[in-house]
Amino acid sequence: MSPILPPLKPIPIKDRVSVLFVEKGNLDVLDGAFVVVDKRGARTHIPVGGVTCLMLEPGSRVSHAAVALASRVGCLLLWTGDSGVRLYSAGQPGGARADRLLYQAKLALDDDARLKVVRKMYAMRFKEEPPARRSVDQLRGIEGVRVRKMYELLAKQYGVSWKTRNYDHTNWGSGDIPNRCLSSATACLYGISEAAILAAGYAPAIGFIHTGKPQSFVYDIADIFKFETVVPVAFRVAAKKPRDPERDVRLACREVFRQTRLLRKIIPSIEEILAAGGLNVPEAHPEAVAPAIPNKENIGDAGHRG
């Protein structure tokens, strides 16, 4: 007789730890626990069901059982380069839903709806309405000018010598400290933004301001929160000229995500932004596959496997 196991209860994104990094070690499931095993055989337990995403850096390996468990509990696995910069691949732990994907695609393909979505993003990012009668390209240009100015002002506020946003992702060490801190900080934000997008059932590649990249929608969403979370963190760390800026940035980002309760905001913000397009949300297809983890108590965020 097979043992009777209690039903899985996914923890909502808003109640999870934002991001954890694994630099070296083997991820596996041993004695029913999700663990990292180092070269000495020591095990470090990771409560994977309470983590939004795991950044797997060079030197990490992951077993089939670990991937399966991470997927079942809705934890996004991201395979990245050093310091979490450069995304090589990502898992799909969330509730990809055809109705949500079609809705997102319809908004992106409708010129009027897309412009409304972009204007909503602009308003949420800068806390003011965008200029009237501007196209998406014009708004993108205005945004670029404002962002460059915001970098200059924050650098001045934290006493950091700032030239411009510039780094070579193929040669990580060639960048100056402020740019390395910014890259590490934004990588953290991109990770949890992608996890939230997937959990809500949408596609990271279908963007509205950014287009043509596998993470276009991730950049769209992350930009809304960037200057209230990770950019000040990056400049604050850079001002201290630390020996290991990437590690300090990661720890500071995780703290600012917790303090600002960012994980509570992302999915509701996504829904608010897309609703600004003015199109009706389609009903789920009657033959749609049920969530992998049924959620009878409805504790998860919308699209988060029920």
C-alpha atoms as a PDB file:
ATOM      1  CA  MET A   1       0.000   0.000   0.000  1.00  0.00           C
ATOM      2  CA  SER A   2       1.467   3.327  -1.051  1.00  0.00           C
ATOM      3  CA  PRO A   3       1.936   5.908   1.708  1.00  0.00           C
ATOM      4  CA  ILE A   4      -0.631   8.672   1.932  1.00  0.00           C
ATOM      5  CA  LEU A   5       1.183  11.983   1.594  1.00  0.00           C
ATOM      6  CA  PRO A   6      -0.327  15.338   2.525  1.00  0.00           C
ATOM      7  CA  PRO A   7      -1.267  17.515  -0.484  1.00  0.00           C
ATOM      8  CA  LEU A   8       1.292  20.094  -1.578  1.00  0.00           C
ATOM      9  CA  LYS A   9       0.571  23.680  -0.568  1.00  0.00           C
ATOM     10  CA  PRO A  10       2.591  26.149  -2.628  1.00  0.00           C
ATOM     11  CA  ILE A  11       3.819  29.199  -0.766  1.00  0.00           C
ATOM     12  CA  PRO A  12       2.774  32.389  -2.576  1.00  0.00           C
ATOM     13  CA  ILE A  13       5.540  34.382  -4.240  1.00  0.00           C
ATOM     14  CA  LYS A  14       4.837  37.299  -1.901  1.00  0.00           C
ATOM     15  CA  ASP A  15       5.736  35.205   1.164  1.00  0.00           C
ATOM     16  CA  ARG A  16       8.985  33.715  -0.163  1.00  0.00           C
ATOM     17  CA  VAL A  17      12.675  34.538   0.153  1.00  0.00           C
ATOM     18  CA  SER A  18      13.545  36.474  -2.980  1.00  0.00           C
ATOM     19  CA  VAL A  19      16.731  34.888  -4.333  1.00  0.00           C
ATOM     20  CA  LEU A  20      19.540  32.527  -3.348  1.00  0.00           C
ATOM     21  CA  PHE A  21      22.837  31.953  -5.177  1.00  0.00           C
ATOM     22  CA  VAL A  22      24.658  28.625  -5.495  1.00  0.00           C
ATOM     23  CA  GLU A  23      28.273  29.035  -6.585  1.00  0.00           C
ATOM     24  CA  LYS A  24      29.797  25.613  -6.149  1.00  0.00           C
ATOM     25  CA  GLY A  25      28.222  22.274  -5.256  1.00  0.00           C
ATOM     26  CA  ASN A  26      25.803  19.609  -6.386  1.00  0.00           C
ATOM     27  CA  LEU A  27      22.089  20.218  -5.945  1.00  0.00           C
ATOM     28  CA  ASP A  28      20.223  17.030  -5.166  1.00  0.00           C
ATOM     29  CA  VAL A  29      17.358  15.572  -3.185  1.00  0.00           C
ATOM     30  CA  LEU A  30      18.670  13.418  -0.340  1.00  0.00           C
ATOM     31  CA  ASP A  31      16.485  11.870   2.340  1.00  0.00           C
ATOM     32  CA  GLY A  32      13.608  13.918   0.967  1.00  0.00           C
ATOM     33  CA  ALA A  33      15.419  17.239   1.414  1.00  0.00           C
ATOM     34  CA  PHE A  34      16.649  19.671  -1.243  1.00  0.00           C
ATOM     35  CA  VAL A  35      20.366  20.053  -0.495  1.00  0.00           C
ATOM     36  CA  VAL A  36      23.641  21.396  -1.839  1.00  0.00           C
ATOM     37  CA  VAL A  37      26.481  18.918  -1.403  1.00  0.00           C
ATOM     38  CA  ASP A  38      29.987  20.390  -1.478  1.00  0.00           C
ATOM     39  CA  LYS A  39      33.210  18.602  -2.468  1.00  0.00           C
ATOM     40  CA  ARG A  40      33.736  17.416   1.117  1.00  0.00           C
ATOM     41  CA  GLY A  41      30.301  15.796   1.175  1.00  0.00           C
ATOM     42  CA  ALA A  42      28.814  18.348   3.554  1.00  0.00           C
ATOM     43  CA  ARG A  43      25.122  19.003   2.994  1.00  0.00           C
ATOM     44  CA  THR A  44      23.442  22.404   3.157  1.00  0.00           C
ATOM     45  CA  HIS A  45      19.665  22.248   3.251  1.00  0.00           C
ATOM     46  CA  ILE A  46      17.741  24.710   1.053  1.00  0.00           C
ATOM     47  CA  PRO A  47      14.036  25.191   1.860  1.00  0.00           C
ATOM     48  CA  VAL A  48      13.339  25.373  -1.856  1.00  0.00           C
ATOM     49  CA  GLY A  49       9.576  25.720  -1.454  1.00  0.00           C
ATOM     50  CA  GLY A  50      10.121  29.064   0.262  1.00  0.00           C
ATOM     51  CA  VAL A  51      12.515  30.481  -2.330  1.00  0.00           C
ATOM     52  CA  THR A  52      11.407  32.459  -5.378  1.00  0.00           C
ATOM     53  CA  CYS A  53      14.435  31.643  -7.538  1.00  0.00           C
ATOM     54  CA  LEU A  54      17.820  29.959  -7.322  1.00  0.00           C
ATOM     55  CA  MET A  55      20.714  31.453  -9.307  1.00  0.00           C
ATOM     56  CA  LEU A  56      23.040  28.620 -10.332  1.00  0.00           C
ATOM     57  CA  GLU A  57      26.515  29.922 -11.110  1.00  0.00           C
ATOM     58  CA  PRO A  58      29.496  28.155 -12.699  1.00  0.00           C
ATOM     59  CA  GLY A  59      30.615  25.293 -10.479  1.00  0.00           C
ATOM     60  CA  SER A  60      27.094  24.095  -9.652  1.00  0.00           C
ATOM     61  CA  ARG A  61      25.455  20.908 -10.851  1.00  0.00           C
ATOM     62  CA  VAL A  62      21.847  19.894 -10.462  1.00  0.00           C
ATOM     63  CA  SER A  63      20.292  16.433 -10.452  1.00  0.00           C
ATOM     64  CA  HIS A  64      17.093  15.343 -12.172  1.00  0.00           C
ATOM     65  CA  ALA A  65      15.406  14.880  -8.774  1.00  0.00           C
ATOM     66  CA  ALA A  66      16.352  18.427  -7.732  1.00  0.00           C
ATOM     67  CA  VAL A  67      14.919  19.932 -10.913  1.00  0.00           C
ATOM     68  CA  ALA A  68      11.714  17.941 -10.487  1.00  0.00           C
ATOM     69  CA  LEU A  69      11.275  19.055  -6.863  1.00  0.00           C
ATOM     70  CA  ALA A  70      12.029  22.705  -7.663  1.00  0.00           C
ATOM     71  CA  SER A  71       9.438  22.593 -10.426  1.00  0.00           C
ATOM     72  CA  ARG A  72       6.796  20.995  -8.202  1.00  0.00           C
ATOM     73  CA  VAL A  73       7.110  23.671  -5.526  1.00  0.00           C
ATOM     74  CA  GLY A  74       7.332  26.570  -8.001  1.00  0.00           C
ATOM     75  CA  CYS A  75      10.974  27.614  -7.525  1.00  0.00           C
ATOM     76  CA  LEU A  76      12.601  29.072 -10.643  1.00  0.00           C
ATOM     77  CA  LEU A  77      16.067  27.741 -11.506  1.00  0.00           C
ATOM     78  CA  LEU A  78      18.295  30.153 -13.431  1.00  0.00           C
ATOM     79  CA  TRP A  79      21.632  29.102 -14.899  1.00  0.00           C
ATOM     80  CA  THR A  80      23.820  32.201 -14.921  1.00  0.00           C
ATOM     81  CA  GLY A  81      27.409  33.325 -15.327  1.00  0.00           C
ATOM     82  CA  ASP A  82      29.639  34.627 -12.561  1.00  0.00           C
ATOM     83  CA  SER A  83      27.891  36.996 -10.152  1.00  0.00           C
ATOM     84  CA  GLY A  84      24.524  36.128 -11.624  1.00  0.00           C
ATOM     85  CA  VAL A  85      25.259  38.135 -14.751  1.00  0.00           C
ATOM     86  CA  ARG A  86      24.514  36.615 -18.171  1.00  0.00           C
ATOM     87  CA  LEU A  87      21.530  34.314 -18.212  1.00  0.00           C
ATOM     88  CA  TYR A  88      22.149  31.010 -19.987  1.00  0.00           C
ATOM     89  CA  SER A  89      18.903  29.185 -19.319  1.00  0.00           C
ATOM     90  CA  ALA A  90      15.864  29.129 -17.077  1.00  0.00           C
ATOM     91  CA  GLY A  91      13.359  26.607 -15.867  1.00  0.00           C
ATOM     92  CA  GLN A  92       9.590  26.854 -16.057  1.00  0.00           C
ATOM     93  CA  PRO A  93       8.177  26.345 -12.588  1.00  0.00           C
ATOM     94  CA  GLY A  94       5.079  28.458 -12.831  1.00  0.00           C
ATOM     95  CA  GLY A  95       1.630  28.068 -14.230  1.00  0.00           C
ATOM     96  CA  ALA A  96       2.083  28.796 -17.944  1.00  0.00           C
ATOM     97  CA  ARG A  97      -1.479  29.339 -19.100  1.00  0.00           C
ATOM     98  CA  ALA A  98      -2.624  29.608 -22.685  1.00  0.00           C
ATOM     99  CA  ASP A  99      -5.308  32.185 -21.846  1.00  0.00           C
ATOM    100  CA  ARG A 100      -2.744  34.486 -20.173  1.00  0.00           C
ATOM    101  CA  LEU A 101      -0.218  34.043 -22.980  1.00  0.00           C
ATOM    102  CA  LEU A 102      -2.819  34.814 -25.658  1.00  0.00           C
ATOM    103  CA  TYR A 103      -3.957  37.870 -23.694  1.00  0.00           C
ATOM    104  CA  GLN A 104      -0.387  39.163 -23.406  1.00  0.00           C
ATOM    105  CA  ALA A 105       0.293  38.509 -27.103  1.00  0.00           C
ATOM    106  CA  LYS A 106      -2.931  40.245 -28.139  1.00  0.00           C
ATOM    107  CA  LEU A 107      -1.995  43.343 -26.142  1.00  0.00           C
ATOM    108  CA  ALA A 108       1.481  43.412 -27.692  1.00  0.00           C
ATOM    109  CA  LEU A 109       0.138  43.053 -31.249  1.00  0.00           C
ATOM    110  CA  ASP A 110      -2.564  45.722 -30.941  1.00  0.00           C
ATOM    111  CA  ASP A 111      -0.911  49.128 -31.487  1.00  0.00           C
ATOM    112  CA  ASP A 112      -3.439  51.086 -29.401  1.00  0.00           C
ATOM    113  CA  ALA A 113      -3.410  48.574 -26.546  1.00  0.00           C
ATOM    114  CA  ARG A 114       0.385  48.378 -26.566  1.00  0.00           C
ATOM    115  CA  LEU A 115       0.684  52.163 -26.340  1.00  0.00           C
ATOM    116  CA  LYS A 116      -1.712  52.203 -23.368  1.00  0.00           C
ATOM    117  CA  VAL A 117       0.365  49.538 -21.625  1.00  0.00           C
ATOM    118  CA  VAL A 118       3.586  51.456 -22.277  1.00  0.00           C
ATOM    119  CA  ARG A 119       2.044  54.682 -20.965  1.00  0.00           C
ATOM    120  CA  LYS A 120       0.969  52.836 -17.804  1.00  0.00           C
ATOM    121  CA  MET A 121       4.511  51.527 -17.330  1.00  0.00           C
ATOM    122  CA  TYR A 122       5.885  55.043 -17.748  1.00  0.00           C
ATOM    123  CA  ALA A 123       3.398  56.445 -15.205  1.00  0.00           C
ATOM    124  CA  MET A 124       4.222  53.765 -12.643  1.00  0.00           C
ATOM    125  CA  ARG A 125       7.955  54.177 -13.102  1.00  0.00           C
ATOM    126  CA  PHE A 126       8.161  57.971 -12.913  1.00  0.00           C
ATOM    127  CA  LYS A 127       5.077  58.605 -10.742  1.00  0.00           C
ATOM    128  CA  GLU A 128       3.611  61.000 -13.313  1.00  0.00           C
ATOM    129  CA  GLU A 129       1.661  60.769 -16.534  1.00  0.00           C
ATOM    130  CA  PRO A 130       3.707  60.650 -19.746  1.00  0.00           C
ATOM    131  CA  PRO A 131       3.459  63.464 -22.316  1.00  0.00           C
ATOM    132  CA  ALA A 132       0.367  63.231 -24.520  1.00  0.00           C
ATOM    133  CA  ARG A 133       0.411  62.249 -28.178  1.00  0.00           C
ATOM    134  CA  ARG A 134       3.721  60.406 -28.063  1.00  0.00           C
ATOM    135  CA  SER A 135       4.456  57.117 -29.801  1.00  0.00           C
ATOM    136  CA  VAL A 136       6.084  54.118 -28.119  1.00  0.00           C
ATOM    137  CA  ASP A 137       9.440  55.005 -29.702  1.00  0.00           C
ATOM    138  CA  GLN A 138       9.158  58.620 -28.528  1.00  0.00           C
ATOM    139  CA  LEU A 139       8.307  57.524 -24.990  1.00  0.00           C
ATOM    140  CA  ARG A 140      11.250  55.134 -25.066  1.00  0.00           C
ATOM    141  CA  GLY A 141      13.544  58.015 -25.999  1.00  0.00           C
ATOM    142  CA  ILE A 142      12.190  60.273 -23.248  1.00  0.00           C
ATOM    143  CA  GLU A 143      12.605  57.448 -20.761  1.00  0.00           C
ATOM    144  CA  GLY A 144      16.227  56.886 -21.778  1.00  0.00           C
ATOM    145  CA  VAL A 145      17.116  60.527 -21.142  1.00  0.00           C
ATOM    146  CA  ARG A 146      15.445  60.488 -17.730  1.00  0.00           C
ATOM    147  CA  VAL A 147      17.148  57.239 -16.740  1.00  0.00           C
ATOM    148  CA  ARG A 148      20.602  58.576 -17.600  1.00  0.00           C
ATOM    149  CA  LYS A 149      19.884  61.648 -15.493  1.00  0.00           C
ATOM    150  CA  MET A 150      18.700  59.499 -12.585  1.00  0.00           C
ATOM    151  CA  TYR A 151      21.962  57.526 -12.682  1.00  0.00           C
ATOM    152  CA  GLU A 152      23.900  60.806 -12.470  1.00  0.00           C
ATOM    153  CA  LEU A 153      21.823  62.121  -9.560  1.00  0.00           C
ATOM    154  CA  LEU A 154      22.088  58.914  -7.530  1.00  0.00           C
ATOM    155  CA  ALA A 155      25.827  58.659  -8.147  1.00  0.00           C
ATOM    156  CA  LYS A 156      26.208  62.218  -6.894  1.00  0.00           C
ATOM    157  CA  GLN A 157      23.993  61.497  -3.878  1.00  0.00           C
ATOM    158  CA  TYR A 158      26.187  58.564  -2.806  1.00  0.00           C
ATOM    159  CA  GLY A 159      29.483  60.232  -3.711  1.00  0.00           C
ATOM    160  CA  VAL A 160      30.331  57.821  -6.523  1.00  0.00           C
ATOM    161  CA  SER A 161      32.428  58.813  -9.515  1.00  0.00           C
ATOM    162  CA  TRP A 162      30.134  58.120 -12.473  1.00  0.00           C
ATOM    163  CA  LYS A 163      30.839  58.256 -16.185  1.00  0.00           C
ATOM    164  CA  THR A 164      28.125  56.266 -17.914  1.00  0.00           C
ATOM    165  CA  ARG A 165      26.362  52.908 -17.847  1.00  0.00           C
ATOM    166  CA  ASN A 166      28.934  50.819 -19.628  1.00  0.00           C
ATOM    167  CA  TYR A 167      30.286  47.312 -19.159  1.00  0.00           C
ATOM    168  CA  ASP A 168      31.529  44.398 -21.243  1.00  0.00           C
ATOM    169  CA  HIS A 169      29.540  41.304 -20.281  1.00  0.00           C
ATOM    170  CA  THR A 170      32.153  39.106 -21.974  1.00  0.00           C
ATOM    171  CA  ASN A 171      34.862  40.534 -19.711  1.00  0.00           C
ATOM    172  CA  TRP A 172      33.335  41.024 -16.297  1.00  0.00           C
ATOM    173  CA  GLY A 173      36.456  42.349 -14.598  1.00  0.00           C
ATOM    174  CA  SER A 174      36.940  45.148 -17.121  1.00  0.00           C
ATOM    175  CA  GLY A 175      34.029  47.192 -15.733  1.00  0.00           C
ATOM    176  CA  ASP A 176      34.454  49.817 -13.045  1.00  0.00           C
ATOM    177  CA  ILE A 177      33.043  49.156  -9.566  1.00  0.00           C
ATOM    178  CA  PRO A 178      29.802  51.157  -9.986  1.00  0.00           C
ATOM    179  CA  ASN A 179      28.938  49.358 -13.224  1.00  0.00           C
ATOM    180  CA  ARG A 180      29.746  45.940 -11.734  1.00  0.00           C
ATOM    181  CA  CYS A 181      27.543  46.725  -8.736  1.00  0.00           C
ATOM    182  CA  LEU A 182      24.710  47.841 -11.006  1.00  0.00           C
ATOM    183  CA  SER A 183      24.982  44.702 -13.141  1.00  0.00           C
ATOM    184  CA  SER A 184      24.901  42.424 -10.111  1.00  0.00           C
ATOM    185  CA  ALA A 185      21.991  44.323  -8.598  1.00  0.00           C
ATOM    186  CA  THR A 186      19.885  44.297 -11.755  1.00  0.00           C
ATOM    187  CA  ALA A 187      20.599  40.573 -12.231  1.00  0.00           C
ATOM    188  CA  CYS A 188      18.972  39.933  -8.828  1.00  0.00           C
ATOM    189  CA  LEU A 189      15.957  42.012  -9.806  1.00  0.00           C
ATOM    190  CA  TYR A 190      15.644  40.286 -13.195  1.00  0.00           C
ATOM    191  CA  GLY A 191      15.654  36.889 -11.484  1.00  0.00           C
ATOM    192  CA  ILE A 192      12.714  37.551  -9.185  1.00  0.00           C
ATOM    193  CA  SER A 193      10.858  39.491 -11.914  1.00  0.00           C
ATOM    194  CA  GLU A 194      11.110  36.527 -14.286  1.00  0.00           C
ATOM    195  CA  ALA A 195       9.984  34.159 -11.540  1.00  0.00           C
ATOM    196  CA  ALA A 196       6.926  36.342 -10.891  1.00  0.00           C
ATOM    197  CA  ILE A 197       6.100  36.608 -14.608  1.00  0.00           C
ATOM    198  CA  LEU A 198       6.266  32.834 -15.041  1.00  0.00           C
ATOM    199  CA  ALA A 199       4.298  32.247 -11.847  1.00  0.00           C
ATOM    200  CA  ALA A 200       1.540  34.519 -13.113  1.00  0.00           C
ATOM    201  CA  GLY A 201       1.329  32.554 -16.355  1.00  0.00           C
ATOM    202  CA  TYR A 202       2.895  35.063 -18.757  1.00  0.00           C
ATOM    203  CA  ALA A 203       5.796  34.961 -21.224  1.00  0.00           C
ATOM    204  CA  PRO A 204       9.140  36.644 -20.448  1.00  0.00           C
ATOM    205  CA  ALA A 205       9.821  37.225 -24.163  1.00  0.00           C
ATOM    206  CA  ILE A 206       6.685  39.242 -25.042  1.00  0.00           C
ATOM    207  CA  GLY A 207       7.590  42.779 -24.044  1.00  0.00           C
ATOM    208  CA  PHE A 208       6.032  46.165 -24.711  1.00  0.00           C
ATOM    209  CA  ILE A 209       8.884  48.665 -24.338  1.00  0.00           C
ATOM    210  CA  HIS A 210      11.675  46.134 -24.798  1.00  0.00           C
ATOM    211  CA  THR A 211      11.250  43.794 -27.747  1.00  0.00           C
ATOM    212  CA  GLY A 212      13.163  41.101 -29.564  1.00  0.00           C
ATOM    213  CA  LYS A 213      14.901  39.596 -26.543  1.00  0.00           C
ATOM    214  CA  PRO A 214      14.140  36.412 -24.578  1.00  0.00           C
ATOM    215  CA  GLN A 215      13.540  38.528 -21.456  1.00  0.00           C
ATOM    216  CA  SER A 216      11.905  41.615 -22.943  1.00  0.00           C
ATOM    217  CA  PHE A 217       8.947  41.555 -20.542  1.00  0.00           C
ATOM    218  CA  VAL A 218      11.304  40.898 -17.624  1.00  0.00           C
ATOM    219  CA  TYR A 219      13.166  44.121 -18.428  1.00  0.00           C
ATOM    220  CA  ASP A 220       9.850  45.984 -18.780  1.00  0.00           C
ATOM    221  CA  ILE A 221       8.662  44.908 -15.336  1.00  0.00           C
ATOM    222  CA  ALA A 222      12.022  45.174 -13.567  1.00  0.00           C
ATOM    223  CA  ASP A 223      12.525  48.738 -14.825  1.00  0.00           C
ATOM    224  CA  ILE A 224       9.431  49.858 -12.922  1.00  0.00           C
ATOM    225  CA  PHE A 225      11.035  48.928  -9.597  1.00  0.00           C
ATOM    226  CA  LYS A 226      14.708  49.415 -10.430  1.00  0.00           C
ATOM    227  CA  PHE A 227      15.243  52.936  -9.138  1.00  0.00           C
ATOM    228  CA  GLU A 228      13.343  52.407  -5.915  1.00  0.00           C
ATOM    229  CA  THR A 229      15.212  49.219  -5.022  1.00  0.00           C
ATOM    230  CA  VAL A 230      18.440  47.962  -6.592  1.00  0.00           C
ATOM    231  CA  VAL A 231      20.014  51.064  -8.155  1.00  0.00           C
ATOM    232  CA  PRO A 232      20.386  52.960  -4.833  1.00  0.00           C
ATOM    233  CA  VAL A 233      21.718  49.728  -3.309  1.00  0.00           C
ATOM    234  CA  ALA A 234      24.345  49.407  -6.052  1.00  0.00           C
ATOM    235  CA  PHE A 235      25.604  52.976  -5.635  1.00  0.00           C
ATOM    236  CA  ARG A 236      25.633  52.674  -1.847  1.00  0.00           C
ATOM    237  CA  VAL A 237      27.783  49.548  -2.029  1.00  0.00           C
ATOM    238  CA  ALA A 238      30.036  51.031  -4.737  1.00  0.00           C
ATOM    239  CA  ALA A 239      30.697  54.084  -2.558  1.00  0.00           C
ATOM    240  CA  LYS A 240      32.268  51.818   0.096  1.00  0.00           C
ATOM    241  CA  LYS A 241      34.717  50.307  -2.452  1.00  0.00           C
ATOM    242  CA  PRO A 242      34.336  46.792  -1.004  1.00  0.00           C
ATOM    243  CA  ARG A 243      36.724  43.930  -1.684  1.00  0.00           C
ATOM    244  CA  ASP A 244      33.898  41.704  -2.973  1.00  0.00           C
ATOM    245  CA  PRO A 245      31.275  44.104  -4.375  1.00  0.00           C
ATOM    246  CA  GLU A 246      29.155  41.416  -6.032  1.00  0.00           C
ATOM    247  CA  ARG A 247      28.593  39.563  -2.743  1.00  0.00           C
ATOM    248  CA  ASP A 248      27.810  42.772  -0.858  1.00  0.00           C
ATOM    249  CA  VAL A 249      25.350  43.814  -3.558  1.00  0.00           C
ATOM    250  CA  ARG A 250      23.518  40.485  -3.435  1.00  0.00           C
ATOM    251  CA  LEU A 251      23.080  40.624   0.330  1.00  0.00           C
ATOM    252  CA  ALA A 252      21.947  44.241   0.185  1.00  0.00           C
ATOM    253  CA  CYS A 253      19.482  43.501  -2.628  1.00  0.00           C
ATOM    254  CA  ARG A 254      17.920  40.631  -0.725  1.00  0.00           C
ATOM    255  CA  GLU A 255      17.469  42.951   2.252  1.00  0.00           C
ATOM    256  CA  VAL A 256      15.915  45.740   0.197  1.00  0.00           C
ATOM    257  CA  PHE A 257      13.547  43.261  -1.461  1.00  0.00           C
ATOM    258  CA  ARG A 258      12.429  42.233   2.023  1.00  0.00           C
ATOM    259  CA  GLN A 259      12.135  45.789   3.358  1.00  0.00           C
ATOM    260  CA  THR A 260      10.154  47.055   0.373  1.00  0.00           C
ATOM    261  CA  ARG A 261       8.034  43.889   0.232  1.00  0.00           C
ATOM    262  CA  LEU A 262       8.741  43.825  -3.467  1.00  0.00           C
ATOM    263  CA  LEU A 263       7.499  40.278  -3.955  1.00  0.00           C
ATOM    264  CA  ARG A 264       4.051  41.412  -2.823  1.00  0.00           C
ATOM    265  CA  LYS A 265       3.983  44.076  -5.529  1.00  0.00           C
ATOM    266  CA  ILE A 266       5.231  42.474  -8.723  1.00  0.00           C
ATOM    267  CA  ILE A 267       2.347  40.221  -9.774  1.00  0.00           C
ATOM    268  CA  PRO A 268      -0.407  42.733  -8.871  1.00  0.00           C
ATOM    269  CA  SER A 269       1.568  45.353 -10.814  1.00  0.00           C
ATOM    270  CA  ILE A 270       1.762  43.074 -13.848  1.00  0.00           C
ATOM    271  CA  GLU A 271      -2.007  42.619 -13.795  1.00  0.00           C
ATOM    272  CA  GLU A 272      -2.565  46.379 -13.383  1.00  0.00           C
ATOM    273  CA  ILE A 273      -0.228  47.187 -16.258  1.00  0.00           C
ATOM    274  CA  LEU A 274      -1.813  44.721 -18.666  1.00  0.00           C
ATOM    275  CA  ALA A 275      -5.334  45.805 -17.675  1.00  0.00           C
ATOM    276  CA  ALA A 276      -4.414  49.325 -18.817  1.00  0.00           C
ATOM    277  CA  GLY A 277      -4.439  47.991 -22.388  1.00  0.00           C
ATOM    278  CA  GLY A 278      -8.220  47.943 -22.247  1.00  0.00           C
ATOM    279  CA  LEU A 279      -8.756  44.451 -23.691  1.00  0.00           C
ATOM    280  CA  ASN A 280     -10.940  41.847 -22.055  1.00  0.00           C
ATOM    281  CA  VAL A 281      -9.137  39.023 -20.291  1.00  0.00           C
ATOM    282  CA  PRO A 282     -10.047  35.796 -22.126  1.00  0.00           C
ATOM    283  CA  GLU A 283     -11.665  32.916 -20.305  1.00  0.00           C
ATOM    284  CA  ALA A 284      -9.545  29.829 -19.712  1.00  0.00           C
ATOM    285  CA  HIS A 285     -10.169  27.155 -22.353  1.00  0.00           C
ATOM    286  CA  PRO A 286     -12.498  24.396 -21.084  1.00  0.00           C
ATOM    287  CA  GLU A 287      -9.885  21.797 -22.047  1.00  0.00           C
ATOM    288  CA  ALA A 288      -7.083  23.637 -20.220  1.00  0.00           C
ATOM    289  CA  VAL A 289      -4.812  21.396 -18.177  1.00  0.00           C
ATOM    290  CA  ALA A 290      -5.387  21.723 -14.445  1.00  0.00           C
ATOM    291  CA  PRO A 291      -2.679  23.266 -12.236  1.00  0.00           C
ATOM    292  CA  ALA A 292       0.154  20.927 -11.314  1.00  0.00           C
ATOM    293  CA  ILE A 293      -0.422  21.740  -7.654  1.00  0.00           C
ATOM    294  CA  PRO A 294      -4.148  22.176  -6.957  1.00  0.00           C
ATOM    295  CA  ASN A 295      -4.692  24.959  -4.484  1.00  0.00           C
ATOM    296  CA  LYS A 296      -8.056  24.493  -2.834  1.00  0.00           C
ATOM    297  CA  GLU A 297      -7.467  27.230  -0.288  1.00  0.00           C
ATOM    298  CA  ASN A 298      -6.542  29.775  -2.975  1.00  0.00           C
ATOM    299  CA  ILE A 299      -3.525  31.076  -1.078  1.00  0.00           C
ATOM    300  CA  GLY A 300      -1.296  31.571  -4.131  1.00  0.00           C
ATOM    301  CA  ASP A 301      -0.942  34.562  -6.365  1.00  0.00           C
ATOM    302  CA  ALA A 302      -2.974  34.560  -9.552  1.00  0.00           C
ATOM    303  CA  GLY A 303      -1.533  32.023 -11.960  1.00  0.00           C
ATOM    304  CA  HIS A 304       0.734  30.494  -9.384  1.00  0.00           C
ATOM    305  CA  ARG A 305      -0.318  26.919 -10.053  1.00  0.00           C
ATOM    306  CA  GLY A 306      -3.813  27.707  -8.928  1.00  0.00           C
END
